[in-house]
Amino acid sequence: MNANLPADALELRAVEQRRRLHNSVTELKYQVREKLDPKKAARRYLWPASAVAALLAVVTGYGFAGMFTRN
């Protein structure tokens, strides 16, 4: 860093860096909130989750019925 820079220029640079850091943190919070929104996740993964649940139910039912039938 150049030691000959006036204090005003350094203060302005510090203010700018704090503002950019604040904006970055705000954007990160927004993105995390969007990614972890349960309503959006439920809407997005409703059909795949339903398919997995149906497949699990069929396999469990087939296995359970197999315990009571003779081969």
PDB file of N, CA and C in Angstrom:
ATOM      1  N   MET A   1       0.828  -1.161   0.000  1.00  0.00           N
ATOM      2  CA  MET A   1       0.000   0.000   0.000  1.00  0.00           C
ATOM      3  C   MET A   1       0.885   1.241   0.000  1.00  0.00           C
ATOM      4  N   ASN A   2       0.438   2.255  -0.632  1.00  0.00           N
ATOM      5  CA  ASN A   2       1.211   3.473  -0.727  1.00  0.00           C
ATOM      6  C   ASN A   2       0.981   4.321   0.520  1.00  0.00           C
ATOM      7  N   ALA A   3       2.033   4.665   1.231  1.00  0.00           N
ATOM      8  CA  ALA A   3       1.932   5.437   2.461  1.00  0.00           C
ATOM      9  C   ALA A   3       1.696   6.909   2.173  1.00  0.00           C
ATOM     10  N   ASN A   4       1.811   7.335   0.942  1.00  0.00           N
ATOM     11  CA  ASN A   4       1.662   8.746   0.597  1.00  0.00           C
ATOM     12  C   ASN A   4       0.232   9.138   0.280  1.00  0.00           C
ATOM     13  N   LEU A   5      -0.702   8.210   0.330  1.00  0.00           N
ATOM     14  CA  LEU A   5      -2.087   8.538   0.037  1.00  0.00           C
ATOM     15  C   LEU A   5      -2.668   9.365   1.175  1.00  0.00           C
ATOM     16  N   PRO A   6      -3.452  10.371   0.836  1.00  0.00           N
ATOM     17  CA  PRO A   6      -4.060  11.184   1.892  1.00  0.00           C
ATOM     18  C   PRO A   6      -5.122  10.384   2.654  1.00  0.00           C
ATOM     19  N   ALA A   7      -5.377  10.820   3.868  1.00  0.00           N
ATOM     20  CA  ALA A   7      -6.333  10.125   4.735  1.00  0.00           C
ATOM     21  C   ALA A   7      -7.723  10.118   4.130  1.00  0.00           C
ATOM     22  N   ASP A   8      -8.106  11.190   3.451  1.00  0.00           N
ATOM     23  CA  ASP A   8      -9.437  11.256   2.844  1.00  0.00           C
ATOM     24  C   ASP A   8      -9.615  10.162   1.791  1.00  0.00           C
ATOM     25  N   ALA A   9      -8.604   9.943   0.973  1.00  0.00           N
ATOM     26  CA  ALA A   9      -8.682   8.911  -0.056  1.00  0.00           C
ATOM     27  C   ALA A   9      -8.787   7.532   0.570  1.00  0.00           C
ATOM     28  N   LEU A  10      -8.045   7.306   1.646  1.00  0.00           N
ATOM     29  CA  LEU A  10      -8.114   6.017   2.338  1.00  0.00           C
ATOM     30  C   LEU A  10      -9.482   5.806   2.968  1.00  0.00           C
ATOM     31  N   GLU A  11     -10.052   6.870   3.542  1.00  0.00           N
ATOM     32  CA  GLU A  11     -11.380   6.762   4.141  1.00  0.00           C
ATOM     33  C   GLU A  11     -12.429   6.462   3.070  1.00  0.00           C
ATOM     34  N   LEU A  12     -12.316   7.129   1.926  1.00  0.00           N
ATOM     35  CA  LEU A  12     -13.261   6.866   0.837  1.00  0.00           C
ATOM     36  C   LEU A  12     -13.138   5.429   0.341  1.00  0.00           C
ATOM     37  N   ARG A  13     -11.922   4.937   0.251  1.00  0.00           N
ATOM     38  CA  ARG A  13     -11.712   3.557  -0.174  1.00  0.00           C
ATOM     39  C   ARG A  13     -12.316   2.593   0.850  1.00  0.00           C
ATOM     40  N   ALA A  14     -12.143   2.892   2.136  1.00  0.00           N
ATOM     41  CA  ALA A  14     -12.698   2.030   3.184  1.00  0.00           C
ATOM     42  C   ALA A  14     -14.225   2.034   3.137  1.00  0.00           C
ATOM     43  N   VAL A  15     -14.816   3.198   2.899  1.00  0.00           N
ATOM     44  CA  VAL A  15     -16.275   3.298   2.805  1.00  0.00           C
ATOM     45  C   VAL A  15     -16.775   2.468   1.629  1.00  0.00           C
ATOM     46  N   GLU A  16     -16.087   2.575   0.502  1.00  0.00           N
ATOM     47  CA  GLU A  16     -16.475   1.807  -0.683  1.00  0.00           C
ATOM     48  C   GLU A  16     -16.366   0.303  -0.436  1.00  0.00           C
ATOM     49  N   GLN A  17     -15.309  -0.116   0.217  1.00  0.00           N
ATOM     50  CA  GLN A  17     -15.123  -1.543   0.514  1.00  0.00           C
ATOM     51  C   GLN A  17     -16.194  -2.041   1.473  1.00  0.00           C
ATOM     52  N   ARG A  18     -16.535  -1.239   2.475  1.00  0.00           N
ATOM     53  CA  ARG A  18     -17.599  -1.641   3.413  1.00  0.00           C
ATOM     54  C   ARG A  18     -18.933  -1.748   2.690  1.00  0.00           C
ATOM     55  N   ARG A  19     -19.205  -0.813   1.777  1.00  0.00           N
ATOM     56  CA  ARG A  19     -20.462  -0.853   1.034  1.00  0.00           C
ATOM     57  C   ARG A  19     -20.531  -2.093   0.139  1.00  0.00           C
ATOM     58  N   ARG A  20     -19.420  -2.407  -0.530  1.00  0.00           N
ATOM     59  CA  ARG A  20     -19.404  -3.615  -1.369  1.00  0.00           C
ATOM     60  C   ARG A  20     -19.564  -4.872  -0.519  1.00  0.00           C
ATOM     61  N   LEU A  21     -18.921  -4.920   0.635  1.00  0.00           N
ATOM     62  CA  LEU A  21     -19.041  -6.065   1.526  1.00  0.00           C
ATOM     63  C   LEU A  21     -20.470  -6.215   2.023  1.00  0.00           C
ATOM     64  N   HIS A  22     -21.082  -5.098   2.392  1.00  0.00           N
ATOM     65  CA  HIS A  22     -22.469  -5.134   2.857  1.00  0.00           C
ATOM     66  C   HIS A  22     -23.391  -5.643   1.744  1.00  0.00           C
ATOM     67  N   ASN A  23     -23.195  -5.143   0.525  1.00  0.00           N
ATOM     68  CA  ASN A  23     -24.015  -5.597  -0.599  1.00  0.00           C
ATOM     69  C   ASN A  23     -23.807  -7.084  -0.877  1.00  0.00           C
ATOM     70  N   SER A  24     -22.576  -7.560  -0.748  1.00  0.00           N
ATOM     71  CA  SER A  24     -22.301  -8.981  -0.966  1.00  0.00           C
ATOM     72  C   SER A  24     -22.991  -9.844   0.083  1.00  0.00           C
ATOM     73  N   VAL A  25     -22.943  -9.413   1.326  1.00  0.00           N
ATOM     74  CA  VAL A  25     -23.591 -10.167   2.401  1.00  0.00           C
ATOM     75  C   VAL A  25     -25.107 -10.162   2.214  1.00  0.00           C
ATOM     76  N   THR A  26     -25.653  -9.025   1.825  1.00  0.00           N
ATOM     77  CA  THR A  26     -27.090  -8.934   1.593  1.00  0.00           C
ATOM     78  C   THR A  26     -27.513  -9.871   0.466  1.00  0.00           C
ATOM     79  N   GLU A  27     -26.741  -9.888  -0.610  1.00  0.00           N
ATOM     80  CA  GLU A  27     -27.044 -10.774  -1.740  1.00  0.00           C
ATOM     81  C   GLU A  27     -26.932 -12.241  -1.331  1.00  0.00           C
ATOM     82  N   LEU A  28     -25.932 -12.576  -0.548  1.00  0.00           N
ATOM     83  CA  LEU A  28     -25.765 -13.949  -0.080  1.00  0.00           C
ATOM     84  C   LEU A  28     -26.943 -14.374   0.796  1.00  0.00           C
ATOM     85  N   LYS A  29     -27.381 -13.504   1.692  1.00  0.00           N
ATOM     86  CA  LYS A  29     -28.543 -13.811   2.531  1.00  0.00           C
ATOM     87  C   LYS A  29     -29.774 -14.076   1.673  1.00  0.00           C
ATOM     88  N   TYR A  30     -29.970 -13.249   0.659  1.00  0.00           N
ATOM     89  CA  TYR A  30     -31.119 -13.412  -0.226  1.00  0.00           C
ATOM     90  C   TYR A  30     -31.057 -14.752  -0.959  1.00  0.00           C
ATOM     91  N   GLN A  31     -29.888 -15.090  -1.479  1.00  0.00           N
ATOM     92  CA  GLN A  31     -29.745 -16.344  -2.217  1.00  0.00           C
ATOM     93  C   GLN A  31     -29.963 -17.552  -1.309  1.00  0.00           C
ATOM     94  N   VAL A  32     -29.440 -17.499  -0.094  1.00  0.00           N
ATOM     95  CA  VAL A  32     -29.628 -18.616   0.846  1.00  0.00           C
ATOM     96  C   VAL A  32     -31.104 -18.746   1.198  1.00  0.00           C
ATOM     97  N   ARG A  33     -31.758 -17.616   1.439  1.00  0.00           N
ATOM     98  CA  ARG A  33     -33.183 -17.646   1.769  1.00  0.00           C
ATOM     99  C   ARG A  33     -33.988 -18.232   0.620  1.00  0.00           C
ATOM    100  N   GLU A  34     -33.636 -17.876  -0.618  1.00  0.00           N
ATOM    101  CA  GLU A  34     -34.334 -18.414  -1.785  1.00  0.00           C
ATOM    102  C   GLU A  34     -34.109 -19.918  -1.926  1.00  0.00           C
ATOM    103  N   LYS A  35     -32.882 -20.371  -1.711  1.00  0.00           N
ATOM    104  CA  LYS A  35     -32.568 -21.801  -1.869  1.00  0.00           C
ATOM    105  C   LYS A  35     -33.237 -22.653  -0.794  1.00  0.00           C
ATOM    106  N   LEU A  36     -33.381 -22.119   0.411  1.00  0.00           N
ATOM    107  CA  LEU A  36     -33.910 -22.901   1.523  1.00  0.00           C
ATOM    108  C   LEU A  36     -35.399 -22.660   1.781  1.00  0.00           C
ATOM    109  N   ASP A  37     -36.081 -21.985   0.873  1.00  0.00           N
ATOM    110  CA  ASP A  37     -37.504 -21.722   1.031  1.00  0.00           C
ATOM    111  C   ASP A  37     -38.279 -23.035   0.922  1.00  0.00           C
ATOM    112  N   PRO A  38     -38.953 -23.458   2.000  1.00  0.00           N
ATOM    113  CA  PRO A  38     -39.638 -24.766   1.969  1.00  0.00           C
ATOM    114  C   PRO A  38     -40.787 -24.828   0.961  1.00  0.00           C
ATOM    115  N   LYS A  39     -41.492 -23.733   0.749  1.00  0.00           N
ATOM    116  CA  LYS A  39     -42.604 -23.756  -0.202  1.00  0.00           C
ATOM    117  C   LYS A  39     -42.102 -23.963  -1.632  1.00  0.00           C
ATOM    118  N   LYS A  40     -41.025 -23.277  -1.977  1.00  0.00           N
ATOM    119  CA  LYS A  40     -40.472 -23.455  -3.324  1.00  0.00           C
ATOM    120  C   LYS A  40     -39.915 -24.857  -3.505  1.00  0.00           C
ATOM    121  N   ALA A  41     -39.250 -25.367  -2.475  1.00  0.00           N
ATOM    122  CA  ALA A  41     -38.692 -26.718  -2.560  1.00  0.00           C
ATOM    123  C   ALA A  41     -39.811 -27.744  -2.699  1.00  0.00           C
ATOM    124  N   ALA A  42     -40.899 -27.556  -1.962  1.00  0.00           N
ATOM    125  CA  ALA A  42     -42.027 -28.490  -2.050  1.00  0.00           C
ATOM    126  C   ALA A  42     -42.644 -28.466  -3.446  1.00  0.00           C
ATOM    127  N   ARG A  43     -42.794 -27.268  -4.005  1.00  0.00           N
ATOM    128  CA  ARG A  43     -43.345 -27.167  -5.353  1.00  0.00           C
ATOM    129  C   ARG A  43     -42.416 -27.776  -6.388  1.00  0.00           C
ATOM    130  N   ARG A  44     -41.139 -27.550  -6.217  1.00  0.00           N
ATOM    131  CA  ARG A  44     -40.171 -28.015  -7.215  1.00  0.00           C
ATOM    132  C   ARG A  44     -40.018 -29.537  -7.188  1.00  0.00           C
ATOM    133  N   TYR A  45     -40.034 -30.125  -6.008  1.00  0.00           N
ATOM    134  CA  TYR A  45     -39.747 -31.556  -5.880  1.00  0.00           C
ATOM    135  C   TYR A  45     -40.978 -32.387  -5.537  1.00  0.00           C
ATOM    136  N   LEU A  46     -42.178 -31.865  -5.774  1.00  0.00           N
ATOM    137  CA  LEU A  46     -43.399 -32.596  -5.432  1.00  0.00           C
ATOM    138  C   LEU A  46     -43.514 -33.894  -6.232  1.00  0.00           C
ATOM    139  N   TRP A  47     -43.351 -33.832  -7.552  1.00  0.00           N
ATOM    140  CA  TRP A  47     -43.510 -35.033  -8.374  1.00  0.00           C
ATOM    141  C   TRP A  47     -42.411 -36.053  -8.128  1.00  0.00           C
ATOM    142  N   PRO A  48     -41.151 -35.680  -8.054  1.00  0.00           N
ATOM    143  CA  PRO A  48     -40.135 -36.698  -7.745  1.00  0.00           C
ATOM    144  C   PRO A  48     -40.341 -37.330  -6.365  1.00  0.00           C
ATOM    145  N   ALA A  49     -40.716 -36.516  -5.388  1.00  0.00           N
ATOM    146  CA  ALA A  49     -40.955 -37.066  -4.047  1.00  0.00           C
ATOM    147  C   ALA A  49     -42.154 -38.002  -4.053  1.00  0.00           C
ATOM    148  N   SER A  50     -43.184 -37.643  -4.801  1.00  0.00           N
ATOM    149  CA  SER A  50     -44.363 -38.513  -4.903  1.00  0.00           C
ATOM    150  C   SER A  50     -44.008 -39.830  -5.580  1.00  0.00           C
ATOM    151  N   ALA A  51     -43.179 -39.789  -6.614  1.00  0.00           N
ATOM    152  CA  ALA A  51     -42.773 -41.012  -7.309  1.00  0.00           C
ATOM    153  C   ALA A  51     -41.957 -41.918  -6.389  1.00  0.00           C
ATOM    154  N   VAL A  52     -41.052 -41.336  -5.623  1.00  0.00           N
ATOM    155  CA  VAL A  52     -40.245 -42.140  -4.694  1.00  0.00           C
ATOM    156  C   VAL A  52     -41.139 -42.746  -3.619  1.00  0.00           C
ATOM    157  N   ALA A  53     -42.086 -41.967  -3.100  1.00  0.00           N
ATOM    158  CA  ALA A  53     -43.000 -42.484  -2.075  1.00  0.00           C
ATOM    159  C   ALA A  53     -43.864 -43.614  -2.636  1.00  0.00           C
ATOM    160  N   ALA A  54     -44.350 -43.466  -3.861  1.00  0.00           N
ATOM    161  CA  ALA A  54     -45.173 -44.517  -4.473  1.00  0.00           C
ATOM    162  C   ALA A  54     -44.352 -45.783  -4.698  1.00  0.00           C
ATOM    163  N   LEU A  55     -43.132 -45.627  -5.180  1.00  0.00           N
ATOM    164  CA  LEU A  55     -42.266 -46.783  -5.401  1.00  0.00           C
ATOM    165  C   LEU A  55     -41.953 -47.495  -4.084  1.00  0.00           C
ATOM    166  N   LEU A  56     -41.676 -46.725  -3.064  1.00  0.00           N
ATOM    167  CA  LEU A  56     -41.414 -47.301  -1.742  1.00  0.00           C
ATOM    168  C   LEU A  56     -42.648 -48.029  -1.213  1.00  0.00           C
ATOM    169  N   ALA A  57     -43.830 -47.468  -1.432  1.00  0.00           N
ATOM    170  CA  ALA A  57     -45.065 -48.114  -0.987  1.00  0.00           C
ATOM    171  C   ALA A  57     -45.296 -49.433  -1.719  1.00  0.00           C
ATOM    172  N   VAL A  58     -45.030 -49.454  -3.023  1.00  0.00           N
ATOM    173  CA  VAL A  58     -45.215 -50.691  -3.805  1.00  0.00           C
ATOM    174  C   VAL A  58     -44.239 -51.761  -3.323  1.00  0.00           C
ATOM    175  N   VAL A  59     -42.987 -51.406  -3.147  1.00  0.00           N
ATOM    176  CA  VAL A  59     -41.984 -52.382  -2.708  1.00  0.00           C
ATOM    177  C   VAL A  59     -42.312 -52.892  -1.309  1.00  0.00           C
ATOM    178  N   THR A  60     -42.694 -51.993  -0.415  1.00  0.00           N
ATOM    179  CA  THR A  60     -43.047 -52.404   0.944  1.00  0.00           C
ATOM    180  C   THR A  60     -44.294 -53.292   0.937  1.00  0.00           C
ATOM    181  N   GLY A  61     -45.293 -52.911   0.159  1.00  0.00           N
ATOM    182  CA  GLY A  61     -46.517 -53.720   0.067  1.00  0.00           C
ATOM    183  C   GLY A  61     -46.243 -55.089  -0.522  1.00  0.00           C
ATOM    184  N   TYR A  62     -45.415 -55.149  -1.545  1.00  0.00           N
ATOM    185  CA  TYR A  62     -45.072 -56.431  -2.160  1.00  0.00           C
ATOM    186  C   TYR A  62     -44.325 -57.319  -1.160  1.00  0.00           C
ATOM    187  N   GLY A  63     -43.404 -56.738  -0.432  1.00  0.00           N
ATOM    188  CA  GLY A  63     -42.663 -57.506   0.577  1.00  0.00           C
ATOM    189  C   GLY A  63     -43.554 -57.957   1.724  1.00  0.00           C
ATOM    190  N   PHE A  64     -44.441 -57.095   2.171  1.00  0.00           N
ATOM    191  CA  PHE A  64     -45.355 -57.436   3.260  1.00  0.00           C
ATOM    192  C   PHE A  64     -46.324 -58.527   2.823  1.00  0.00           C
ATOM    193  N   ALA A  65     -46.846 -58.438   1.605  1.00  0.00           N
ATOM    194  CA  ALA A  65     -47.768 -59.465   1.097  1.00  0.00           C
ATOM    195  C   ALA A  65     -47.027 -60.782   0.911  1.00  0.00           C
ATOM    196  N   GLY A  66     -45.758 -60.739   0.564  1.00  0.00           N
ATOM    197  CA  GLY A  66     -44.977 -61.958   0.385  1.00  0.00           C
ATOM    198  C   GLY A  66     -44.808 -62.757   1.673  1.00  0.00           C
ATOM    199  N   MET A  67     -44.910 -62.069   2.814  1.00  0.00           N
ATOM    200  CA  MET A  67     -44.795 -62.785   4.100  1.00  0.00           C
ATOM    201  C   MET A  67     -46.009 -63.654   4.354  1.00  0.00           C
ATOM    202  N   PHE A  68     -47.151 -63.332   3.776  1.00  0.00           N
ATOM    203  CA  PHE A  68     -48.389 -64.048   4.071  1.00  0.00           C
ATOM    204  C   PHE A  68     -48.831 -64.984   2.957  1.00  0.00           C
ATOM    205  N   THR A  69     -48.087 -65.086   1.902  1.00  0.00           N
ATOM    206  CA  THR A  69     -48.449 -65.992   0.815  1.00  0.00           C
ATOM    207  C   THR A  69     -47.483 -67.148   0.781  1.00  0.00           C
ATOM    208  N   ARG A  70     -47.993 -68.292   0.317  1.00  0.00           N
ATOM    209  CA  ARG A  70     -47.143 -69.469   0.204  1.00  0.00           C
ATOM    210  C   ARG A  70     -46.604 -69.551  -1.216  1.00  0.00           C
ATOM    211  N   ASN A  71     -45.420 -70.023  -1.329  1.00  0.00           N
ATOM    212  CA  ASN A  71     -44.801 -70.193  -2.663  1.00  0.00           C
ATOM    213  C   ASN A  71     -45.097 -71.553  -3.198  1.00  0.00           C
TER     214      ASN A  71
END
